[in-house]
Amino acid sequence: MSLEVLRNPRLRVIGLKQTTKAVERGQARTVYLAGDADERLVRDLVSKCRERGIELVRVESMAALGKACGIDVGAAAAALVRSE
C-alpha cells in the first residue's frame, strides 16, 4: 500500500498518542510505524495492533513518515482510520 493515502487528513491520524487512541476505539485500519522510533515507546501500540488484528506497516524513518503525512516534522506513528 502506498504511503500517499496518508496525505488525506480525513483518513488518517498522526502521532503515537492519536494512533493509540484510534486503535483502542476500533477506528484504525492500518498502522504505520517509523523504523527509527524508540521501541520502548511503540511496544504497547504494536501489542494492541496485534491483539486486534490491525495491519502494521514499517516505514523507513520518522522523517519519511512525517513527510508522507504532509507535515514538516517526524512522526513515530500514524494510522489510516475508517471513514465515517
PDB file of N, CA and C in Angstrom:
ATOM      1  N   MET A   1       0.848  -1.184   0.000  1.00  0.00           N
ATOM      2  CA  MET A   1       0.000   0.000   0.000  1.00  0.00           C
ATOM      3  C   MET A   1       0.888   1.239   0.000  1.00  0.00           C
ATOM      4  N   SER A   2       0.549   2.177  -0.840  1.00  0.00           N
ATOM      5  CA  SER A   2       1.314   3.401  -0.966  1.00  0.00           C
ATOM      6  C   SER A   2       1.099   4.311   0.240  1.00  0.00           C
ATOM      7  N   LEU A   3       2.139   5.037   0.592  1.00  0.00           N
ATOM      8  CA  LEU A   3       2.046   5.991   1.697  1.00  0.00           C
ATOM      9  C   LEU A   3       1.256   7.242   1.295  1.00  0.00           C
ATOM     10  N   GLU A   4       0.946   7.365   0.017  1.00  0.00           N
ATOM     11  CA  GLU A   4       0.219   8.535  -0.486  1.00  0.00           C
ATOM     12  C   GLU A   4      -1.137   8.716   0.210  1.00  0.00           C
ATOM     13  N   VAL A   5      -1.752   7.621   0.649  1.00  0.00           N
ATOM     14  CA  VAL A   5      -3.064   7.711   1.308  1.00  0.00           C
ATOM     15  C   VAL A   5      -2.983   8.497   2.619  1.00  0.00           C
ATOM     16  N   LEU A   6      -1.794   8.611   3.190  1.00  0.00           N
ATOM     17  CA  LEU A   6      -1.633   9.328   4.458  1.00  0.00           C
ATOM     18  C   LEU A   6      -1.718  10.843   4.291  1.00  0.00           C
ATOM     19  N   ARG A   7      -1.756  11.321   3.075  1.00  0.00           N
ATOM     20  CA  ARG A   7      -1.853  12.767   2.834  1.00  0.00           C
ATOM     21  C   ARG A   7      -3.236  13.315   3.166  1.00  0.00           C
ATOM     22  N   ASN A   8      -4.257  12.482   3.083  1.00  0.00           N
ATOM     23  CA  ASN A   8      -5.628  12.933   3.296  1.00  0.00           C
ATOM     24  C   ASN A   8      -5.929  13.050   4.792  1.00  0.00           C
ATOM     25  N   PRO A   9      -6.112  14.264   5.314  1.00  0.00           N
ATOM     26  CA  PRO A   9      -6.323  14.437   6.755  1.00  0.00           C
ATOM     27  C   PRO A   9      -7.617  13.817   7.284  1.00  0.00           C
ATOM     28  N   ARG A  10      -8.572  13.561   6.416  1.00  0.00           N
ATOM     29  CA  ARG A  10      -9.826  12.938   6.869  1.00  0.00           C
ATOM     30  C   ARG A  10      -9.680  11.428   7.048  1.00  0.00           C
ATOM     31  N   LEU A  11      -8.619  10.871   6.501  1.00  0.00           N
ATOM     32  CA  LEU A  11      -8.446   9.417   6.548  1.00  0.00           C
ATOM     33  C   LEU A  11      -7.326   8.955   7.462  1.00  0.00           C
ATOM     34  N   ARG A  12      -6.681   9.884   8.172  1.00  0.00           N
ATOM     35  CA  ARG A  12      -5.540   9.481   8.995  1.00  0.00           C
ATOM     36  C   ARG A  12      -5.435  10.274  10.288  1.00  0.00           C
ATOM     37  N   VAL A  13      -4.698   9.677  11.216  1.00  0.00           N
ATOM     38  CA  VAL A  13      -4.279  10.366  12.427  1.00  0.00           C
ATOM     39  C   VAL A  13      -2.764  10.251  12.479  1.00  0.00           C
ATOM     40  N   ILE A  14      -2.130  11.220  13.117  1.00  0.00           N
ATOM     41  CA  ILE A  14      -0.670  11.252  13.184  1.00  0.00           C
ATOM     42  C   ILE A  14      -0.240  11.343  14.638  1.00  0.00           C
ATOM     43  N   GLY A  15       0.823  10.640  14.963  1.00  0.00           N
ATOM     44  CA  GLY A  15       1.408  10.703  16.297  1.00  0.00           C
ATOM     45  C   GLY A  15       1.078   9.462  17.111  1.00  0.00           C
ATOM     46  N   LEU A  16       1.943   9.167  18.037  1.00  0.00           N
ATOM     47  CA  LEU A  16       1.815   7.958  18.841  1.00  0.00           C
ATOM     48  C   LEU A  16       0.538   7.954  19.677  1.00  0.00           C
ATOM     49  N   LYS A  17       0.244   9.061  20.345  1.00  0.00           N
ATOM     50  CA  LYS A  17      -0.947   9.112  21.201  1.00  0.00           C
ATOM     51  C   LYS A  17      -2.229   9.010  20.390  1.00  0.00           C
ATOM     52  N   GLN A  18      -2.326   9.763  19.309  1.00  0.00           N
ATOM     53  CA  GLN A  18      -3.539   9.743  18.492  1.00  0.00           C
ATOM     54  C   GLN A  18      -3.726   8.390  17.809  1.00  0.00           C
ATOM     55  N   THR A  19      -2.636   7.787  17.389  1.00  0.00           N
ATOM     56  CA  THR A  19      -2.720   6.470  16.753  1.00  0.00           C
ATOM     57  C   THR A  19      -3.166   5.423  17.758  1.00  0.00           C
ATOM     58  N   THR A  20      -2.627   5.473  18.972  1.00  0.00           N
ATOM     59  CA  THR A  20      -3.033   4.528  20.014  1.00  0.00           C
ATOM     60  C   THR A  20      -4.519   4.684  20.329  1.00  0.00           C
ATOM     61  N   LYS A  21      -4.993   5.916  20.420  1.00  0.00           N
ATOM     62  CA  LYS A  21      -6.419   6.156  20.680  1.00  0.00           C
ATOM     63  C   LYS A  21      -7.280   5.582  19.561  1.00  0.00           C
ATOM     64  N   ALA A  22      -6.857   5.758  18.319  1.00  0.00           N
ATOM     65  CA  ALA A  22      -7.623   5.235  17.184  1.00  0.00           C
ATOM     66  C   ALA A  22      -7.687   3.712  17.229  1.00  0.00           C
ATOM     67  N   VAL A  23      -6.597   3.071  17.619  1.00  0.00           N
ATOM     68  CA  VAL A  23      -6.578   1.607  17.750  1.00  0.00           C
ATOM     69  C   VAL A  23      -7.526   1.175  18.862  1.00  0.00           C
ATOM     70  N   GLU A  24      -7.448   1.834  20.006  1.00  0.00           N
ATOM     71  CA  GLU A  24      -8.294   1.477  21.150  1.00  0.00           C
ATOM     72  C   GLU A  24      -9.780   1.668  20.843  1.00  0.00           C
ATOM     73  N   ARG A  25     -10.109   2.657  20.033  1.00  0.00           N
ATOM     74  CA  ARG A  25     -11.509   2.947  19.694  1.00  0.00           C
ATOM     75  C   ARG A  25     -12.026   2.098  18.537  1.00  0.00           C
ATOM     76  N   GLY A  26     -11.143   1.283  17.958  1.00  0.00           N
ATOM     77  CA  GLY A  26     -11.543   0.449  16.832  1.00  0.00           C
ATOM     78  C   GLY A  26     -11.660   1.208  15.522  1.00  0.00           C
ATOM     79  N   GLN A  27     -11.012   2.364  15.434  1.00  0.00           N
ATOM     80  CA  GLN A  27     -11.093   3.187  14.230  1.00  0.00           C
ATOM     81  C   GLN A  27      -9.961   2.928  13.243  1.00  0.00           C
ATOM     82  N   ALA A  28      -8.836   2.396  13.709  1.00  0.00           N
ATOM     83  CA  ALA A  28      -7.658   2.225  12.862  1.00  0.00           C
ATOM     84  C   ALA A  28      -7.795   1.008  11.957  1.00  0.00           C
ATOM     85  N   ARG A  29      -7.471   1.200  10.676  1.00  0.00           N
ATOM     86  CA  ARG A  29      -7.449   0.090   9.713  1.00  0.00           C
ATOM     87  C   ARG A  29      -6.032  -0.415   9.518  1.00  0.00           C
ATOM     88  N   THR A  30      -5.096   0.512   9.385  1.00  0.00           N
ATOM     89  CA  THR A  30      -3.687   0.192   9.170  1.00  0.00           C
ATOM     90  C   THR A  30      -2.860   1.158   9.997  1.00  0.00           C
ATOM     91  N   VAL A  31      -1.828   0.639  10.670  1.00  0.00           N
ATOM     92  CA  VAL A  31      -0.948   1.485  11.475  1.00  0.00           C
ATOM     93  C   VAL A  31       0.443   1.477  10.837  1.00  0.00           C
ATOM     94  N   TYR A  32       1.009   2.665  10.708  1.00  0.00           N
ATOM     95  CA  TYR A  32       2.344   2.846  10.153  1.00  0.00           C
ATOM     96  C   TYR A  32       3.284   3.220  11.289  1.00  0.00           C
ATOM     97  N   LEU A  33       4.411   2.517  11.386  1.00  0.00           N
ATOM     98  CA  LEU A  33       5.392   2.777  12.433  1.00  0.00           C
ATOM     99  C   LEU A  33       6.732   3.135  11.808  1.00  0.00           C
ATOM    100  N   ALA A  34       7.361   4.165  12.337  1.00  0.00           N
ATOM    101  CA  ALA A  34       8.686   4.560  11.864  1.00  0.00           C
ATOM    102  C   ALA A  34       9.725   3.562  12.360  1.00  0.00           C
ATOM    103  N   GLY A  35      10.606   3.160  11.473  1.00  0.00           N
ATOM    104  CA  GLY A  35      11.636   2.187  11.814  1.00  0.00           C
ATOM    105  C   GLY A  35      12.614   2.676  12.858  1.00  0.00           C
ATOM    106  N   ASP A  36      12.778   3.992  12.973  1.00  0.00           N
ATOM    107  CA  ASP A  36      13.726   4.520  13.951  1.00  0.00           C
ATOM    108  C   ASP A  36      13.045   5.059  15.216  1.00  0.00           C
ATOM    109  N   ALA A  37      11.760   4.763  15.379  1.00  0.00           N
ATOM    110  CA  ALA A  37      11.056   5.173  16.610  1.00  0.00           C
ATOM    111  C   ALA A  37      11.561   4.324  17.776  1.00  0.00           C
ATOM    112  N   ASP A  38      11.602   4.905  18.954  1.00  0.00           N
ATOM    113  CA  ASP A  38      12.066   4.207  20.151  1.00  0.00           C
ATOM    114  C   ASP A  38      11.157   3.005  20.425  1.00  0.00           C
ATOM    115  N   GLU A  39      11.731   1.827  20.424  1.00  0.00           N
ATOM    116  CA  GLU A  39      10.962   0.591  20.599  1.00  0.00           C
ATOM    117  C   GLU A  39      10.178   0.575  21.908  1.00  0.00           C
ATOM    118  N   ARG A  40      10.736   1.164  22.945  1.00  0.00           N
ATOM    119  CA  ARG A  40      10.028   1.207  24.237  1.00  0.00           C
ATOM    120  C   ARG A  40       8.746   2.017  24.139  1.00  0.00           C
ATOM    121  N   LEU A  41       8.745   3.032  23.291  1.00  0.00           N
ATOM    122  CA  LEU A  41       7.571   3.891  23.155  1.00  0.00           C
ATOM    123  C   LEU A  41       6.475   3.246  22.311  1.00  0.00           C
ATOM    124  N   VAL A  42       6.852   2.458  21.313  1.00  0.00           N
ATOM    125  CA  VAL A  42       5.850   1.887  20.406  1.00  0.00           C
ATOM    126  C   VAL A  42       5.439   0.461  20.779  1.00  0.00           C
ATOM    127  N   ARG A  43       6.085  -0.120  21.764  1.00  0.00           N
ATOM    128  CA  ARG A  43       5.816  -1.510  22.156  1.00  0.00           C
ATOM    129  C   ARG A  43       4.337  -1.747  22.472  1.00  0.00           C
ATOM    130  N   ASP A  44       3.732  -0.867  23.254  1.00  0.00           N
ATOM    131  CA  ASP A  44       2.333  -1.016  23.641  1.00  0.00           C
ATOM    132  C   ASP A  44       1.411  -0.922  22.424  1.00  0.00           C
ATOM    133  N   LEU A  45       1.707   0.004  21.527  1.00  0.00           N
ATOM    134  CA  LEU A  45       0.909   0.168  20.317  1.00  0.00           C
ATOM    135  C   LEU A  45       0.996  -1.080  19.440  1.00  0.00           C
ATOM    136  N   VAL A  46       2.186  -1.612  19.278  1.00  0.00           N
ATOM    137  CA  VAL A  46       2.373  -2.825  18.472  1.00  0.00           C
ATOM    138  C   VAL A  46       1.567  -3.974  19.070  1.00  0.00           C
ATOM    139  N   SER A  47       1.614  -4.112  20.375  1.00  0.00           N
ATOM    140  CA  SER A  47       0.872  -5.172  21.056  1.00  0.00           C
ATOM    141  C   SER A  47      -0.635  -5.031  20.828  1.00  0.00           C
ATOM    142  N   LYS A  48      -1.145  -3.818  20.954  1.00  0.00           N
ATOM    143  CA  LYS A  48      -2.578  -3.574  20.752  1.00  0.00           C
ATOM    144  C   LYS A  48      -2.998  -3.876  19.321  1.00  0.00           C
ATOM    145  N   CYS A  49      -2.148  -3.528  18.367  1.00  0.00           N
ATOM    146  CA  CYS A  49      -2.462  -3.813  16.965  1.00  0.00           C
ATOM    147  C   CYS A  49      -2.517  -5.317  16.717  1.00  0.00           C
ATOM    148  N   ARG A  50      -1.565  -6.033  17.259  1.00  0.00           N
ATOM    149  CA  ARG A  50      -1.538  -7.488  17.075  1.00  0.00           C
ATOM    150  C   ARG A  50      -2.752  -8.144  17.715  1.00  0.00           C
ATOM    151  N   GLU A  51      -3.137  -7.687  18.900  1.00  0.00           N
ATOM    152  CA  GLU A  51      -4.319  -8.232  19.579  1.00  0.00           C
ATOM    153  C   GLU A  51      -5.587  -8.028  18.757  1.00  0.00           C
ATOM    154  N   ARG A  52      -5.656  -6.903  18.060  1.00  0.00           N
ATOM    155  CA  ARG A  52      -6.866  -6.551  17.320  1.00  0.00           C
ATOM    156  C   ARG A  52      -6.794  -6.913  15.838  1.00  0.00           C
ATOM    157  N   GLY A  53      -5.681  -7.492  15.412  1.00  0.00           N
ATOM    158  CA  GLY A  53      -5.531  -7.897  14.018  1.00  0.00           C
ATOM    159  C   GLY A  53      -5.383  -6.737  13.053  1.00  0.00           C
ATOM    160  N   ILE A  54      -4.807  -5.636  13.512  1.00  0.00           N
ATOM    161  CA  ILE A  54      -4.611  -4.456  12.672  1.00  0.00           C
ATOM    162  C   ILE A  54      -3.272  -4.567  11.961  1.00  0.00           C
ATOM    163  N   GLU A  55      -3.286  -4.311  10.668  1.00  0.00           N
ATOM    164  CA  GLU A  55      -2.071  -4.400   9.860  1.00  0.00           C
ATOM    165  C   GLU A  55      -1.044  -3.362  10.322  1.00  0.00           C
ATOM    166  N   LEU A  56       0.193  -3.804  10.479  1.00  0.00           N
ATOM    167  CA  LEU A  56       1.311  -2.927  10.831  1.00  0.00           C
ATOM    168  C   LEU A  56       2.231  -2.792   9.627  1.00  0.00           C
ATOM    169  N   VAL A  57       2.560  -1.556   9.287  1.00  0.00           N
ATOM    170  CA  VAL A  57       3.459  -1.288   8.175  1.00  0.00           C
ATOM    171  C   VAL A  57       4.641  -0.498   8.719  1.00  0.00           C
ATOM    172  N   ARG A  58       5.840  -0.997   8.482  1.00  0.00           N
ATOM    173  CA  ARG A  58       7.051  -0.284   8.919  1.00  0.00           C
ATOM    174  C   ARG A  58       7.485   0.684   7.825  1.00  0.00           C
ATOM    175  N   VAL A  59       7.809   1.896   8.243  1.00  0.00           N
ATOM    176  CA  VAL A  59       8.295   2.939   7.340  1.00  0.00           C
ATOM    177  C   VAL A  59       9.744   3.203   7.722  1.00  0.00           C
ATOM    178  N   GLU A  60      10.547   3.567   6.768  1.00  0.00           N
ATOM    179  CA  GLU A  60      11.983   3.725   6.955  1.00  0.00           C
ATOM    180  C   GLU A  60      12.367   4.563   8.181  1.00  0.00           C
ATOM    181  N   SER A  61      11.758   5.732   8.329  1.00  0.00           N
ATOM    182  CA  SER A  61      12.168   6.631   9.401  1.00  0.00           C
ATOM    183  C   SER A  61      11.021   7.545   9.821  1.00  0.00           C
ATOM    184  N   MET A  62      11.235   8.212  10.951  1.00  0.00           N
ATOM    185  CA  MET A  62      10.243   9.185  11.420  1.00  0.00           C
ATOM    186  C   MET A  62      10.114  10.332  10.418  1.00  0.00           C
ATOM    187  N   ALA A  63      11.230  10.748   9.850  1.00  0.00           N
ATOM    188  CA  ALA A  63      11.202  11.832   8.870  1.00  0.00           C
ATOM    189  C   ALA A  63      10.386  11.421   7.638  1.00  0.00           C
ATOM    190  N   ALA A  64      10.580  10.191   7.158  1.00  0.00           N
ATOM    191  CA  ALA A  64       9.849   9.705   5.988  1.00  0.00           C
ATOM    192  C   ALA A  64       8.354   9.593   6.281  1.00  0.00           C
ATOM    193  N   LEU A  65       8.002   9.154   7.482  1.00  0.00           N
ATOM    194  CA  LEU A  65       6.595   9.031   7.841  1.00  0.00           C
ATOM    195  C   LEU A  65       5.944  10.414   7.960  1.00  0.00           C
ATOM    196  N   GLY A  66       6.643  11.347   8.585  1.00  0.00           N
ATOM    197  CA  GLY A  66       6.125  12.718   8.671  1.00  0.00           C
ATOM    198  C   GLY A  66       5.922  13.320   7.288  1.00  0.00           C
ATOM    199  N   LYS A  67       6.884  13.122   6.411  1.00  0.00           N
ATOM    200  CA  LYS A  67       6.780  13.642   5.045  1.00  0.00           C
ATOM    201  C   LYS A  67       5.607  13.005   4.313  1.00  0.00           C
ATOM    202  N   ALA A  68       5.414  11.703   4.486  1.00  0.00           N
ATOM    203  CA  ALA A  68       4.289  11.011   3.844  1.00  0.00           C
ATOM    204  C   ALA A  68       2.949  11.569   4.321  1.00  0.00           C
ATOM    205  N   CYS A  69       2.923  12.031   5.559  1.00  0.00           N
ATOM    206  CA  CYS A  69       1.697  12.601   6.128  1.00  0.00           C
ATOM    207  C   CYS A  69       1.524  14.078   5.773  1.00  0.00           C
ATOM    208  N   GLY A  70       2.535  14.649   5.134  1.00  0.00           N
ATOM    209  CA  GLY A  70       2.444  16.051   4.729  1.00  0.00           C
ATOM    210  C   GLY A  70       2.775  17.032   5.837  1.00  0.00           C
ATOM    211  N   ILE A  71       3.569  16.595   6.821  1.00  0.00           N
ATOM    212  CA  ILE A  71       3.973  17.503   7.897  1.00  0.00           C
ATOM    213  C   ILE A  71       5.483  17.706   7.837  1.00  0.00           C
ATOM    214  N   ASP A  72       5.952  18.780   8.451  1.00  0.00           N
ATOM    215  CA  ASP A  72       7.357  19.152   8.374  1.00  0.00           C
ATOM    216  C   ASP A  72       8.225  18.564   9.478  1.00  0.00           C
ATOM    217  N   VAL A  73       7.641  17.749  10.339  1.00  0.00           N
ATOM    218  CA  VAL A  73       8.391  17.110  11.413  1.00  0.00           C
ATOM    219  C   VAL A  73       8.205  15.603  11.324  1.00  0.00           C
ATOM    220  N   GLY A  74       9.045  14.878  12.025  1.00  0.00           N
ATOM    221  CA  GLY A  74       8.941  13.429  12.015  1.00  0.00           C
ATOM    222  C   GLY A  74       7.751  12.938  12.820  1.00  0.00           C
ATOM    223  N   ALA A  75       7.345  11.710  12.535  1.00  0.00           N
ATOM    224  CA  ALA A  75       6.244  11.083  13.266  1.00  0.00           C
ATOM    225  C   ALA A  75       6.632   9.638  13.574  1.00  0.00           C
ATOM    226  N   ALA A  76       6.403   9.222  14.811  1.00  0.00           N
ATOM    227  CA  ALA A  76       6.711   7.845  15.202  1.00  0.00           C
ATOM    228  C   ALA A  76       5.648   6.890  14.684  1.00  0.00           C
ATOM    229  N   ALA A  77       4.407   7.363  14.587  1.00  0.00           N
ATOM    230  CA  ALA A  77       3.304   6.505  14.165  1.00  0.00           C
ATOM    231  C   ALA A  77       2.221   7.327  13.479  1.00  0.00           C
ATOM    232  N   ALA A  78       1.474   6.647  12.654  1.00  0.00           N
ATOM    233  CA  ALA A  78       0.295   7.228  12.000  1.00  0.00           C
ATOM    234  C   ALA A  78      -0.638   6.073  11.686  1.00  0.00           C
ATOM    235  N   ALA A  79      -1.895   6.385  11.461  1.00  0.00           N
ATOM    236  CA  ALA A  79      -2.864   5.331  11.146  1.00  0.00           C
ATOM    237  C   ALA A  79      -3.869   5.800  10.114  1.00  0.00           C
ATOM    238  N   LEU A  80      -4.253   4.879   9.251  1.00  0.00           N
ATOM    239  CA  LEU A  80      -5.405   5.099   8.397  1.00  0.00           C
ATOM    240  C   LEU A  80      -6.613   4.740   9.242  1.00  0.00           C
ATOM    241  N   VAL A  81      -7.622   5.586   9.209  1.00  0.00           N
ATOM    242  CA  VAL A  81      -8.812   5.329  10.014  1.00  0.00           C
ATOM    243  C   VAL A  81     -10.007   5.116   9.093  1.00  0.00           C
ATOM    244  N   ARG A  82     -10.999   4.470   9.637  1.00  0.00           N
ATOM    245  CA  ARG A  82     -12.223   4.211   8.884  1.00  0.00           C
ATOM    246  C   ARG A  82     -12.935   5.532   8.641  1.00  0.00           C
ATOM    247  N   SER A  83     -13.366   5.745   7.413  1.00  0.00           N
ATOM    248  CA  SER A  83     -14.111   6.974   7.125  1.00  0.00           C
ATOM    249  C   SER A  83     -15.552   6.770   7.562  1.00  0.00           C
ATOM    250  N   GLU A  84     -16.117   7.770   8.176  1.00  0.00           N
ATOM    251  CA  GLU A  84     -17.466   7.659   8.746  1.00  0.00           C
ATOM    252  C   GLU A  84     -18.479   8.260   7.811  1.00  0.00           C
TER     253      GLU A  84
END
